[in-house]
PDB file of N, CA and C in Angstrom:
ATOM      1  N   MET A   1      -2.347  27.146 -15.279  1.00  0.00           N
ATOM      2  CA  MET A   1      -2.780  27.449 -13.943  1.00  0.00           C
ATOM      3  C   MET A   1      -2.596  26.234 -13.034  1.00  0.00           C
ATOM      4  N   GLU A   2      -2.911  25.063 -13.538  1.00  0.00           N
ATOM      5  CA  GLU A   2      -2.770  23.834 -12.745  1.00  0.00           C
ATOM      6  C   GLU A   2      -1.322  23.633 -12.297  1.00  0.00           C
ATOM      7  N   GLY A   3      -0.395  23.882 -13.201  1.00  0.00           N
ATOM      8  CA  GLY A   3       1.018  23.734 -12.873  1.00  0.00           C
ATOM      9  C   GLY A   3       1.466  24.715 -11.814  1.00  0.00           C
ATOM     10  N   THR A   4       0.891  25.907 -11.839  1.00  0.00           N
ATOM     11  CA  THR A   4       1.227  26.933 -10.855  1.00  0.00           C
ATOM     12  C   THR A   4       0.826  26.481  -9.463  1.00  0.00           C
ATOM     13  N   HIS A   5      -0.397  25.986  -9.331  1.00  0.00           N
ATOM     14  CA  HIS A   5      -0.872  25.530  -8.024  1.00  0.00           C
ATOM     15  C   HIS A   5      -0.035  24.359  -7.522  1.00  0.00           C
ATOM     16  N   ASN A   6       0.296  23.461  -8.422  1.00  0.00           N
ATOM     17  CA  ASN A   6       1.095  22.301  -8.038  1.00  0.00           C
ATOM     18  C   ASN A   6       2.472  22.733  -7.561  1.00  0.00           C
ATOM     19  N   LYS A   7       3.077  23.683  -8.252  1.00  0.00           N
ATOM     20  CA  LYS A   7       4.410  24.146  -7.884  1.00  0.00           C
ATOM     21  C   LYS A   7       4.405  24.773  -6.488  1.00  0.00           C
ATOM     22  N   VAL A   8       3.374  25.568  -6.196  1.00  0.00           N
ATOM     23  CA  VAL A   8       3.268  26.193  -4.877  1.00  0.00           C
ATOM     24  C   VAL A   8       3.089  25.115  -3.803  1.00  0.00           C
ATOM     25  N   LYS A   9       2.309  24.092  -4.091  1.00  0.00           N
ATOM     26  CA  LYS A   9       2.114  23.007  -3.125  1.00  0.00           C
ATOM     27  C   LYS A   9       3.426  22.281  -2.844  1.00  0.00           C
ATOM     28  N   VAL A  10       4.223  22.064  -3.887  1.00  0.00           N
ATOM     29  CA  VAL A  10       5.519  21.405  -3.713  1.00  0.00           C
ATOM     30  C   VAL A  10       6.428  22.271  -2.854  1.00  0.00           C
ATOM     31  N   ILE A  11       6.445  23.569  -3.106  1.00  0.00           N
ATOM     32  CA  ILE A  11       7.261  24.485  -2.307  1.00  0.00           C
ATOM     33  C   ILE A  11       6.800  24.448  -0.857  1.00  0.00           C
ATOM     34  N   LYS A  12       5.488  24.421  -0.639  1.00  0.00           N
ATOM     35  CA  LYS A  12       4.954  24.371   0.723  1.00  0.00           C
ATOM     36  C   LYS A  12       5.410  23.104   1.439  1.00  0.00           C
ATOM     37  N   ARG A  13       5.419  21.984   0.724  1.00  0.00           N
ATOM     38  CA  ARG A  13       5.865  20.732   1.337  1.00  0.00           C
ATOM     39  C   ARG A  13       7.343  20.790   1.689  1.00  0.00           C
ATOM     40  N   ARG A  14       8.155  21.334   0.768  1.00  0.00           N
ATOM     41  CA  ARG A  14       9.593  21.432   1.028  1.00  0.00           C
ATOM     42  C   ARG A  14       9.893  22.441   2.117  1.00  0.00           C
ATOM     43  N   ALA A  15       9.037  23.459   2.237  1.00  0.00           N
ATOM     44  CA  ALA A  15       9.284  24.555   3.172  1.00  0.00           C
ATOM     45  C   ALA A  15       8.651  24.300   4.534  1.00  0.00           C
ATOM     46  N   TYR A  16       8.179  23.089   4.774  1.00  0.00           N
ATOM     47  CA  TYR A  16       7.547  22.780   6.055  1.00  0.00           C
ATOM     48  C   TYR A  16       8.502  23.145   7.185  1.00  0.00           C
ATOM     49  N   GLY A  17       8.035  23.982   8.092  1.00  0.00           N
ATOM     50  CA  GLY A  17       8.856  24.392   9.217  1.00  0.00           C
ATOM     51  C   GLY A  17       9.453  25.784   9.056  1.00  0.00           C
ATOM     52  N   TYR A  18       9.246  26.415   7.902  1.00  0.00           N
ATOM     53  CA  TYR A  18       9.725  27.788   7.752  1.00  0.00           C
ATOM     54  C   TYR A  18       9.070  28.636   8.826  1.00  0.00           C
ATOM     55  N   ARG A  19       9.857  29.368   9.557  1.00  0.00           N
ATOM     56  CA  ARG A  19       9.305  30.223  10.599  1.00  0.00           C
ATOM     57  C   ARG A  19       9.007  31.616  10.058  1.00  0.00           C
ATOM     58  N   ASN A  20       9.667  31.956   8.962  1.00  0.00           N
ATOM     59  CA  ASN A  20       9.543  33.297   8.421  1.00  0.00           C
ATOM     60  C   ASN A  20       8.708  33.257   7.138  1.00  0.00           C
ATOM     61  N   LEU A  21       7.517  33.818   7.195  1.00  0.00           N
ATOM     62  CA  LEU A  21       6.622  33.821   6.036  1.00  0.00           C
ATOM     63  C   LEU A  21       7.224  34.616   4.879  1.00  0.00           C
ATOM     64  N   GLU A  22       7.983  35.650   5.200  1.00  0.00           N
ATOM     65  CA  GLU A  22       8.597  36.470   4.151  1.00  0.00           C
ATOM     66  C   GLU A  22       9.575  35.639   3.320  1.00  0.00           C
ATOM     67  N   ARG A  23      10.342  34.787   3.960  1.00  0.00           N
ATOM     68  CA  ARG A  23      11.278  33.924   3.232  1.00  0.00           C
ATOM     69  C   ARG A  23      10.540  32.934   2.342  1.00  0.00           C
ATOM     70  N   PHE A  24       9.384  32.482   2.805  1.00  0.00           N
ATOM     71  CA  PHE A  24       8.561  31.577   1.998  1.00  0.00           C
ATOM     72  C   PHE A  24       8.095  32.288   0.734  1.00  0.00           C
ATOM     73  N   LYS A  25       7.667  33.541   0.879  1.00  0.00           N
ATOM     74  CA  LYS A  25       7.227  34.324  -0.276  1.00  0.00           C
ATOM     75  C   LYS A  25       8.382  34.543  -1.252  1.00  0.00           C
ATOM     76  N   ILE A  26       9.568  34.806  -0.717  1.00  0.00           N
ATOM     77  CA  ILE A  26      10.749  34.999  -1.563  1.00  0.00           C
ATOM     78  C   ILE A  26      11.044  33.723  -2.340  1.00  0.00           C
ATOM     79  N   ARG A  27      10.920  32.570  -1.675  1.00  0.00           N
ATOM     80  CA  ARG A  27      11.174  31.289  -2.334  1.00  0.00           C
ATOM     81  C   ARG A  27      10.225  31.081  -3.508  1.00  0.00           C
ATOM     82  N   ILE A  28       8.949  31.434  -3.314  1.00  0.00           N
ATOM     83  CA  ILE A  28       7.976  31.287  -4.402  1.00  0.00           C
ATOM     84  C   ILE A  28       8.349  32.198  -5.565  1.00  0.00           C
ATOM     85  N   ARG A  29       8.743  33.433  -5.264  1.00  0.00           N
ATOM     86  CA  ARG A  29       9.137  34.364  -6.334  1.00  0.00           C
ATOM     87  C   ARG A  29      10.354  33.850  -7.084  1.00  0.00           C
ATOM     88  N   LEU A  30      11.315  33.273  -6.366  1.00  0.00           N
ATOM     89  CA  LEU A  30      12.510  32.747  -7.023  1.00  0.00           C
ATOM     90  C   LEU A  30      12.175  31.575  -7.939  1.00  0.00           C
ATOM     91  N   GLU A  31      11.239  30.748  -7.534  1.00  0.00           N
ATOM     92  CA  GLU A  31      10.832  29.607  -8.358  1.00  0.00           C
ATOM     93  C   GLU A  31      10.184  30.067  -9.657  1.00  0.00           C
ATOM     94  N   TYR A  32       9.514  31.204  -9.629  1.00  0.00           N
ATOM     95  CA  TYR A  32       8.804  31.693 -10.814  1.00  0.00           C
ATOM     96  C   TYR A  32       9.574  32.763 -11.563  1.00  0.00           C
ATOM     97  N   LYS A  33      10.842  32.940 -11.222  1.00  0.00           N
ATOM     98  CA  LYS A  33      11.664  33.922 -11.919  1.00  0.00           C
ATOM     99  C   LYS A  33      11.774  33.510 -13.387  1.00  0.00           C
ATOM    100  N   PRO A  34      11.377  34.396 -14.294  1.00  0.00           N
ATOM    101  CA  PRO A  34      11.421  34.040 -15.718  1.00  0.00           C
ATOM    102  C   PRO A  34      12.860  33.866 -16.213  1.00  0.00           C
ATOM    103  N   ALA A  35      13.066  32.887 -17.034  1.00  0.00           N
ATOM    104  CA  ALA A  35      14.389  32.648 -17.615  1.00  0.00           C
ATOM    105  C   ALA A  35      14.645  33.690 -18.698  1.00  0.00           C
ATOM    106  N   THR A  36      15.793  34.351 -18.608  1.00  0.00           N
ATOM    107  CA  THR A  36      16.127  35.379 -19.600  1.00  0.00           C
ATOM    108  C   THR A  36      17.332  34.974 -20.401  1.00  0.00           C
TER     109      THR A  36
END
């Protein structure tokens, strides 16, 4: 759980200035895409 929160915080820092919240959500989903 700790790693999850940290990863989202890192994405938020990198995504500073995103105007589209939907794209931010997509970015989070892509980061957590399970490796197959």
